């Protein structure tokens, strides 16, 4: 017997090597007794047998059912997917003193950088010009029909949602001297001002922003928040960058408006993934498209493991976890899973 707390580590769909570097994997095993710790999903009977002695569970979701009554020693559930498992009984966790922690902050830097990259690629026609050069159809120097491009510097930009990604993106935009406004109904105006953004209504944000960053976490309340009616408020010279979830947007309306040339778009997320090969957004000349890869860099994945171990260490030592995002009783049950995964 090592005397170390037992922690079930069941990260599937992620792999152990994806989220734990060699050094961090060693640190994890020196800190706790790892139960399972494999890439394949832990069999439910083995999970159920290990749960009564478990101090914590590290998992990508919650596929184990209503078993928290059999977890008298459980002190934390640490999720490595970046989201909040809707199947988890949050009320029971809060009543039992079980902390629920998400690895979402680990992705903030990676997604914010990709968001900025998508905005620059769209505003300067990087993708379409690359395709033109490869096809021998490039337009050189002073071609007047290229003047739809624009500088990000000095523009008014709007954030729909101001969470982990929004705060990091705000810092990345600092050198561009942008005027930044934000709409986030879960945050007070004072909090937004502290983050050096102007609180505003969603309608005014859409009407006045040259660049619109859609960063909102999907919830039970914001499905198709950006409806067709609201999307029609977007100014014709604007660009919309969608990196949180397609759940937040009427994607059919967005597709039609971009195809009609109403405004530009840069998109990393879709209602169903992989995207249907016949989906019309694939043909939109005013769109820059990415296959849901904004957070997919090794540094971000290893940051997950680092934060998991840091917070496990804190909890083992009787300290509050600070590196992952803690579920709030007021909000936890309002998060939803949204993207439909399509088998091809």
Foldseek 3Di string as FASTA:
>chain_A
DLPAQEEEEFAPVDALVLAAPPVLVVLLVVRHPYDPRGHDGDPLVSCLVCQCRHQEYEYQEDPNADRVVSRLNHQEYEHEVLFFHLRDPVVVCVVSNYWYFYLVLLQQQLLLVVLVVLVQCLLQVVPVQVVCVVVVNHDDDPDPVNVLHDQPAAFEEEEADCDSNNLNNVVVCVVSNYQYAYEDPVDDQVVVVVSVHHYDDLQVNQQGGQEYEYADFDWLPQQQVVPLVSNLNHALSHEYEYQHECRNHPVVSVQVCQQVSSYAYEYAYDQEPPDDPPDSSVVRSRYHYHPNCSRPDSSSSNSSSVLVSQQVSQVSVVHHRDRTDTDDPVPSNGGDDGHHYDDD
